[in-house]
């Protein structure tokens, strides 16, 4: 099975997004417009449609008339955000890797909510990535992840939860060995890739991983 591509309605830097065989594409509310700009045909459109312009709303309504199963309208008053509803849909379709675009910027509370969505996916046994032009965010828990020597830029780690224990960093400018990272001290910020194979391990707990590439 491929990846679930989720296009949300936040800040979006136009880029090429390739939908491969086996991939699923979900447009989240105003993310439908981004799909149009990219020439991506979403398999589903999910949301309360409050961020769509009138002409685009008409286009979605036409799609719903022809293919009602592809448009999932949500009530404005709900517990799940539109993006979380899209992730639940992708999980229900069997997907376990999620590439999420347009999920940062704009109102800061939406960015924080989407970071929490990464933790939600991790707790469902899935992987999620918030992708921007110069940043990638993901969550790791009780595991080791590696980075190729070709990686450039910065890596930052933040505890999601009160503490993350046994945090080890190798192959980077600032190594760390079996440290404790807490939610009230940003010791894990702005490490640097140095052209070596790098690894990050967390033995117990959950970490937000932020990779920032040079512009």
C-alpha atoms as a PDB file:
ATOM      1  CA  UNK A   1       0.000   0.000   0.000  1.00  0.00           C
ATOM      2  CA  UNK A   2       1.205   3.516  -0.773  1.00  0.00           C
ATOM      3  CA  UNK A   3       0.954   6.741   1.186  1.00  0.00           C
ATOM      4  CA  UNK A   4      -2.032   8.883   2.096  1.00  0.00           C
ATOM      5  CA  UNK A   5      -1.469  12.416   0.784  1.00  0.00           C
ATOM      6  CA  UNK A   6      -3.429  14.985   2.768  1.00  0.00           C
ATOM      7  CA  UNK A   7      -3.678  18.549   1.442  1.00  0.00           C
ATOM      8  CA  UNK A   8      -4.916  20.939   4.115  1.00  0.00           C
ATOM      9  CA  UNK A   9      -5.811  24.626   3.879  1.00  0.00           C
ATOM     10  CA  UNK A  10      -2.911  26.249   5.759  1.00  0.00           C
ATOM     11  CA  UNK A  11       0.138  27.968   4.307  1.00  0.00           C
ATOM     12  CA  UNK A  12       1.287  26.166   1.202  1.00  0.00           C
ATOM     13  CA  UNK A  13       4.410  26.596  -0.903  1.00  0.00           C
ATOM     14  CA  UNK A  14       3.712  25.380  -4.414  1.00  0.00           C
ATOM     15  CA  UNK A  15       5.725  22.236  -5.074  1.00  0.00           C
ATOM     16  CA  UNK A  16       5.508  19.052  -7.099  1.00  0.00           C
ATOM     17  CA  UNK A  17       3.563  16.338  -5.295  1.00  0.00           C
ATOM     18  CA  UNK A  18       3.614  13.026  -7.091  1.00  0.00           C
ATOM     19  CA  UNK A  19       0.678  10.727  -6.549  1.00  0.00           C
ATOM     20  CA  UNK A  20       1.919   7.207  -7.209  1.00  0.00           C
ATOM     21  CA  UNK A  21      -0.020   4.027  -7.822  1.00  0.00           C
ATOM     22  CA  UNK A  22      -1.529   2.927  -4.522  1.00  0.00           C
ATOM     23  CA  UNK A  23      -1.514   6.411  -3.010  1.00  0.00           C
ATOM     24  CA  UNK A  24      -4.665   8.034  -1.663  1.00  0.00           C
ATOM     25  CA  UNK A  25      -5.188  11.811  -1.910  1.00  0.00           C
ATOM     26  CA  UNK A  26      -7.524  13.664   0.450  1.00  0.00           C
ATOM     27  CA  UNK A  27      -8.268  17.374   0.044  1.00  0.00           C
ATOM     28  CA  UNK A  28      -9.155  19.004   3.354  1.00  0.00           C
ATOM     29  CA  UNK A  29     -11.586  21.892   2.897  1.00  0.00           C
ATOM     30  CA  UNK A  30      -9.644  24.751   1.229  1.00  0.00           C
ATOM     31  CA  UNK A  31      -6.912  22.271   0.351  1.00  0.00           C
ATOM     32  CA  UNK A  32      -9.111  21.398  -2.624  1.00  0.00           C
ATOM     33  CA  UNK A  33      -7.941  24.617  -4.273  1.00  0.00           C
ATOM     34  CA  UNK A  34      -4.304  23.631  -3.751  1.00  0.00           C
ATOM     35  CA  UNK A  35      -5.063  20.288  -5.410  1.00  0.00           C
ATOM     36  CA  UNK A  36      -6.446  22.167  -8.408  1.00  0.00           C
ATOM     37  CA  UNK A  37      -3.297  24.292  -8.609  1.00  0.00           C
ATOM     38  CA  UNK A  38      -1.137  21.154  -8.506  1.00  0.00           C
ATOM     39  CA  UNK A  39      -3.239  19.192 -10.986  1.00  0.00           C
ATOM     40  CA  UNK A  40      -3.960  16.578  -8.307  1.00  0.00           C
ATOM     41  CA  UNK A  41      -7.295  14.790  -8.428  1.00  0.00           C
ATOM     42  CA  UNK A  42      -8.308  14.078  -4.823  1.00  0.00           C
ATOM     43  CA  UNK A  43      -9.975  10.782  -4.071  1.00  0.00           C
ATOM     44  CA  UNK A  44     -11.934  12.457  -1.275  1.00  0.00           C
ATOM     45  CA  UNK A  45     -12.815  15.995  -0.218  1.00  0.00           C
ATOM     46  CA  UNK A  46     -13.357  16.328   3.534  1.00  0.00           C
ATOM     47  CA  UNK A  47     -14.415  19.327   5.585  1.00  0.00           C
ATOM     48  CA  UNK A  48     -17.098  21.792   6.564  1.00  0.00           C
ATOM     49  CA  UNK A  49     -16.135  23.784   3.420  1.00  0.00           C
ATOM     50  CA  UNK A  50     -15.909  27.061   5.333  1.00  0.00           C
ATOM     51  CA  UNK A  51     -12.627  28.115   3.721  1.00  0.00           C
ATOM     52  CA  UNK A  52     -13.714  27.618   0.102  1.00  0.00           C
ATOM     53  CA  UNK A  53     -14.518  30.515  -2.195  1.00  0.00           C
ATOM     54  CA  UNK A  54     -17.984  30.510  -3.742  1.00  0.00           C
ATOM     55  CA  UNK A  55     -16.856  29.337  -7.173  1.00  0.00           C
ATOM     56  CA  UNK A  56     -14.899  26.479  -5.653  1.00  0.00           C
ATOM     57  CA  UNK A  57     -17.862  25.572  -3.437  1.00  0.00           C
ATOM     58  CA  UNK A  58     -19.936  25.213  -6.592  1.00  0.00           C
ATOM     59  CA  UNK A  59     -17.302  22.940  -8.100  1.00  0.00           C
ATOM     60  CA  UNK A  60     -17.263  20.741  -4.994  1.00  0.00           C
ATOM     61  CA  UNK A  61     -21.070  20.656  -5.011  1.00  0.00           C
ATOM     62  CA  UNK A  62     -20.974  19.474  -8.634  1.00  0.00           C
ATOM     63  CA  UNK A  63     -18.476  16.771  -7.714  1.00  0.00           C
ATOM     64  CA  UNK A  64     -20.730  15.738  -4.827  1.00  0.00           C
ATOM     65  CA  UNK A  65     -23.705  15.481  -7.166  1.00  0.00           C
ATOM     66  CA  UNK A  66     -21.842  13.154  -9.532  1.00  0.00           C
ATOM     67  CA  UNK A  67     -19.811  11.252  -6.930  1.00  0.00           C
ATOM     68  CA  UNK A  68     -21.436  11.672  -3.497  1.00  0.00           C
ATOM     69  CA  UNK A  69     -19.120   9.063  -1.966  1.00  0.00           C
ATOM     70  CA  UNK A  70     -16.092  11.303  -2.629  1.00  0.00           C
ATOM     71  CA  UNK A  71     -17.310  14.378  -0.710  1.00  0.00           C
ATOM     72  CA  UNK A  72     -17.602  14.113   3.060  1.00  0.00           C
ATOM     73  CA  UNK A  73     -19.222  17.196   4.538  1.00  0.00           C
ATOM     74  CA  UNK A  74     -18.625  17.858   8.214  1.00  0.00           C
ATOM     75  CA  UNK A  75     -20.636  20.033  10.562  1.00  0.00           C
ATOM     76  CA  UNK A  76     -18.891  23.253  11.659  1.00  0.00           C
ATOM     77  CA  UNK A  77     -19.573  22.280  15.294  1.00  0.00           C
ATOM     78  CA  UNK A  78     -17.556  19.113  15.867  1.00  0.00           C
ATOM     79  CA  UNK A  79     -14.831  17.589  18.021  1.00  0.00           C
ATOM     80  CA  UNK A  80     -12.454  16.526  15.215  1.00  0.00           C
ATOM     81  CA  UNK A  81     -10.692  19.146  13.144  1.00  0.00           C
ATOM     82  CA  UNK A  82     -11.122  18.747   9.396  1.00  0.00           C
ATOM     83  CA  UNK A  83      -7.556  17.443   9.138  1.00  0.00           C
ATOM     84  CA  UNK A  84      -8.059  14.893  11.910  1.00  0.00           C
ATOM     85  CA  UNK A  85     -11.246  13.702  10.188  1.00  0.00           C
ATOM     86  CA  UNK A  86      -9.215  13.220   6.984  1.00  0.00           C
ATOM     87  CA  UNK A  87      -6.594  11.213   8.882  1.00  0.00           C
ATOM     88  CA  UNK A  88      -9.281   8.991  10.377  1.00  0.00           C
ATOM     89  CA  UNK A  89     -10.579   8.391   6.854  1.00  0.00           C
ATOM     90  CA  UNK A  90      -7.114   7.452   5.619  1.00  0.00           C
ATOM     91  CA  UNK A  91      -6.636   5.057   8.536  1.00  0.00           C
ATOM     92  CA  UNK A  92     -10.025   3.475   7.799  1.00  0.00           C
ATOM     93  CA  UNK A  93      -8.863   2.934   4.211  1.00  0.00           C
ATOM     94  CA  UNK A  94      -5.879   0.979   5.550  1.00  0.00           C
ATOM     95  CA  UNK A  95      -3.121   3.575   5.151  1.00  0.00           C
ATOM     96  CA  UNK A  96      -0.285   3.796   7.659  1.00  0.00           C
ATOM     97  CA  UNK A  97       1.918   6.523   6.161  1.00  0.00           C
ATOM     98  CA  UNK A  98       0.597  10.073   5.870  1.00  0.00           C
ATOM     99  CA  UNK A  99       2.226  12.978   4.033  1.00  0.00           C
ATOM    100  CA  UNK A 100       0.430  16.137   5.143  1.00  0.00           C
ATOM    101  CA  UNK A 101       0.795  19.452   3.298  1.00  0.00           C
ATOM    102  CA  UNK A 102      -0.674  22.873   4.057  1.00  0.00           C
ATOM    103  CA  UNK A 103      -0.905  22.049   7.761  1.00  0.00           C
ATOM    104  CA  UNK A 104       1.178  24.871   9.256  1.00  0.00           C
ATOM    105  CA  UNK A 105       1.162  28.660   9.236  1.00  0.00           C
ATOM    106  CA  UNK A 106      -1.887  30.869   9.479  1.00  0.00           C
ATOM    107  CA  UNK A 107      -3.643  30.565  12.839  1.00  0.00           C
ATOM    108  CA  UNK A 108      -1.150  29.127  15.323  1.00  0.00           C
ATOM    109  CA  UNK A 109      -3.785  26.965  17.027  1.00  0.00           C
ATOM    110  CA  UNK A 110      -4.278  25.013  13.802  1.00  0.00           C
ATOM    111  CA  UNK A 111      -0.544  24.326  13.563  1.00  0.00           C
ATOM    112  CA  UNK A 112      -0.509  23.077  17.166  1.00  0.00           C
ATOM    113  CA  UNK A 113      -3.574  20.920  16.472  1.00  0.00           C
ATOM    114  CA  UNK A 114      -1.841  19.381  13.461  1.00  0.00           C
ATOM    115  CA  UNK A 115       1.244  18.593  15.548  1.00  0.00           C
ATOM    116  CA  UNK A 116      -1.103  16.796  17.930  1.00  0.00           C
ATOM    117  CA  UNK A 117      -2.449  14.924  14.906  1.00  0.00           C
ATOM    118  CA  UNK A 118       1.074  13.531  14.381  1.00  0.00           C
ATOM    119  CA  UNK A 119       0.951  12.159  17.928  1.00  0.00           C
ATOM    120  CA  UNK A 120      -2.514  10.736  17.195  1.00  0.00           C
ATOM    121  CA  UNK A 121      -1.170   8.885  14.147  1.00  0.00           C
ATOM    122  CA  UNK A 122       1.790   7.528  16.103  1.00  0.00           C
ATOM    123  CA  UNK A 123      -0.599   6.175  18.739  1.00  0.00           C
ATOM    124  CA  UNK A 124      -2.526   4.441  15.938  1.00  0.00           C
ATOM    125  CA  UNK A 125       0.636   2.676  14.755  1.00  0.00           C
ATOM    126  CA  UNK A 126       1.000   4.992  11.743  1.00  0.00           C
ATOM    127  CA  UNK A 127       3.617   7.501  10.571  1.00  0.00           C
ATOM    128  CA  UNK A 128       2.792  11.116   9.818  1.00  0.00           C
ATOM    129  CA  UNK A 129       4.838  13.918   8.292  1.00  0.00           C
ATOM    130  CA  UNK A 130       3.961  17.610   8.131  1.00  0.00           C
ATOM    131  CA  UNK A 131       5.774  18.811   5.016  1.00  0.00           C
ATOM    132  CA  UNK A 132       6.717  22.360   4.005  1.00  0.00           C
ATOM    133  CA  UNK A 133       9.194  23.833   1.542  1.00  0.00           C
ATOM    134  CA  UNK A 134      11.967  24.059   4.156  1.00  0.00           C
ATOM    135  CA  UNK A 135      10.662  22.007   7.101  1.00  0.00           C
ATOM    136  CA  UNK A 136       9.512  18.501   7.950  1.00  0.00           C
ATOM    137  CA  UNK A 137       7.857  17.567  11.245  1.00  0.00           C
ATOM    138  CA  UNK A 138       7.246  14.060  12.518  1.00  0.00           C
ATOM    139  CA  UNK A 139       6.883  12.203  15.817  1.00  0.00           C
ATOM    140  CA  UNK A 140       8.947   9.311  17.159  1.00  0.00           C
ATOM    141  CA  UNK A 141       8.248   7.123  20.177  1.00  0.00           C
ATOM    142  CA  UNK A 142      10.373   4.422  21.806  1.00  0.00           C
ATOM    143  CA  UNK A 143      12.447   3.958  18.656  1.00  0.00           C
ATOM    144  CA  UNK A 144      15.514   4.895  16.625  1.00  0.00           C
ATOM    145  CA  UNK A 145      15.452   6.854  13.367  1.00  0.00           C
ATOM    146  CA  UNK A 146      18.339   7.483  10.993  1.00  0.00           C
ATOM    147  CA  UNK A 147      19.386  10.207   8.553  1.00  0.00           C
ATOM    148  CA  UNK A 148      21.613   9.884   5.496  1.00  0.00           C
ATOM    149  CA  UNK A 149      24.989  11.693   5.282  1.00  0.00           C
ATOM    150  CA  UNK A 150      23.529  13.860   2.494  1.00  0.00           C
ATOM    151  CA  UNK A 151      21.143  15.563   4.948  1.00  0.00           C
ATOM    152  CA  UNK A 152      21.747  19.281   5.487  1.00  0.00           C
ATOM    153  CA  UNK A 153      20.309  21.861   7.828  1.00  0.00           C
ATOM    154  CA  UNK A 154      19.066  21.595  11.389  1.00  0.00           C
ATOM    155  CA  UNK A 155      17.320  19.048  13.567  1.00  0.00           C
ATOM    156  CA  UNK A 156      15.352  19.922  16.690  1.00  0.00           C
ATOM    157  CA  UNK A 157      13.710  17.657  19.256  1.00  0.00           C
ATOM    158  CA  UNK A 158      10.868  18.563  21.621  1.00  0.00           C
ATOM    159  CA  UNK A 159       9.229  16.403  24.277  1.00  0.00           C
ATOM    160  CA  UNK A 160       5.565  15.646  23.614  1.00  0.00           C
ATOM    161  CA  UNK A 161       4.569  14.800  27.130  1.00  0.00           C
ATOM    162  CA  UNK A 162       6.267  15.683  30.396  1.00  0.00           C
ATOM    163  CA  UNK A 163       9.546  13.917  29.563  1.00  0.00           C
ATOM    164  CA  UNK A 164      11.303  11.729  27.034  1.00  0.00           C
ATOM    165  CA  UNK A 165      14.015   9.466  28.443  1.00  0.00           C
ATOM    166  CA  UNK A 166      17.111   7.813  27.025  1.00  0.00           C
ATOM    167  CA  UNK A 167      17.523  10.314  24.193  1.00  0.00           C
ATOM    168  CA  UNK A 168      20.721   9.656  22.236  1.00  0.00           C
ATOM    169  CA  UNK A 169      21.973  11.620  19.215  1.00  0.00           C
ATOM    170  CA  UNK A 170      24.939  10.436  17.145  1.00  0.00           C
ATOM    171  CA  UNK A 171      26.547  11.699  13.936  1.00  0.00           C
ATOM    172  CA  UNK A 172      25.542  15.328  14.499  1.00  0.00           C
ATOM    173  CA  UNK A 173      27.320  18.486  15.672  1.00  0.00           C
ATOM    174  CA  UNK A 174      25.961  18.175  19.213  1.00  0.00           C
ATOM    175  CA  UNK A 175      25.875  14.536  20.363  1.00  0.00           C
ATOM    176  CA  UNK A 176      23.738  13.435  23.273  1.00  0.00           C
ATOM    177  CA  UNK A 177      23.747  10.218  25.270  1.00  0.00           C
ATOM    178  CA  UNK A 178      20.821   8.843  27.240  1.00  0.00           C
ATOM    179  CA  UNK A 179      19.564  12.304  28.133  1.00  0.00           C
ATOM    180  CA  UNK A 180      16.176  13.324  29.458  1.00  0.00           C
ATOM    181  CA  UNK A 181      14.316  15.950  27.420  1.00  0.00           C
ATOM    182  CA  UNK A 182      11.473  17.658  29.255  1.00  0.00           C
ATOM    183  CA  UNK A 183       8.522  19.725  28.089  1.00  0.00           C
ATOM    184  CA  UNK A 184       9.773  22.891  29.846  1.00  0.00           C
ATOM    185  CA  UNK A 185      13.389  23.173  28.605  1.00  0.00           C
ATOM    186  CA  UNK A 186      14.180  23.299  24.848  1.00  0.00           C
ATOM    187  CA  UNK A 187      17.598  21.664  25.024  1.00  0.00           C
ATOM    188  CA  UNK A 188      17.013  19.762  21.794  1.00  0.00           C
ATOM    189  CA  UNK A 189      16.784  22.771  19.477  1.00  0.00           C
ATOM    190  CA  UNK A 190      18.956  23.535  16.427  1.00  0.00           C
ATOM    191  CA  UNK A 191      21.356  20.619  16.176  1.00  0.00           C
ATOM    192  CA  UNK A 192      23.221  20.453  12.858  1.00  0.00           C
ATOM    193  CA  UNK A 193      23.810  17.764  10.249  1.00  0.00           C
ATOM    194  CA  UNK A 194      27.541  17.405   9.523  1.00  0.00           C
ATOM    195  CA  UNK A 195      27.702  15.035   6.547  1.00  0.00           C
ATOM    196  CA  UNK A 196      27.655  11.839   8.602  1.00  0.00           C
ATOM    197  CA  UNK A 197      25.089   9.109   9.091  1.00  0.00           C
ATOM    198  CA  UNK A 198      23.039  10.397  12.025  1.00  0.00           C
ATOM    199  CA  UNK A 199      20.726   8.635  14.443  1.00  0.00           C
ATOM    200  CA  UNK A 200      18.231   9.733  17.069  1.00  0.00           C
ATOM    201  CA  UNK A 201      17.017   7.301  19.720  1.00  0.00           C
ATOM    202  CA  UNK A 202      14.336   7.786  22.361  1.00  0.00           C
ATOM    203  CA  UNK A 203      14.033   4.839  24.743  1.00  0.00           C
ATOM    204  CA  UNK A 204      10.891   5.975  26.527  1.00  0.00           C
ATOM    205  CA  UNK A 205       8.523   8.740  25.542  1.00  0.00           C
ATOM    206  CA  UNK A 206       7.481  10.746  22.509  1.00  0.00           C
ATOM    207  CA  UNK A 207       9.496  13.387  20.664  1.00  0.00           C
ATOM    208  CA  UNK A 208       8.519  15.911  18.033  1.00  0.00           C
ATOM    209  CA  UNK A 209      11.237  15.930  15.377  1.00  0.00           C
ATOM    210  CA  UNK A 210      11.669  19.079  13.290  1.00  0.00           C
ATOM    211  CA  UNK A 211      14.058  19.052  10.326  1.00  0.00           C
ATOM    212  CA  UNK A 212      14.789  22.443   8.749  1.00  0.00           C
ATOM    213  CA  UNK A 213      16.550  22.584   5.388  1.00  0.00           C
ATOM    214  CA  UNK A 214      18.567  25.526   4.040  1.00  0.00           C
ATOM    215  CA  UNK A 215      16.496  27.826   1.807  1.00  0.00           C
END
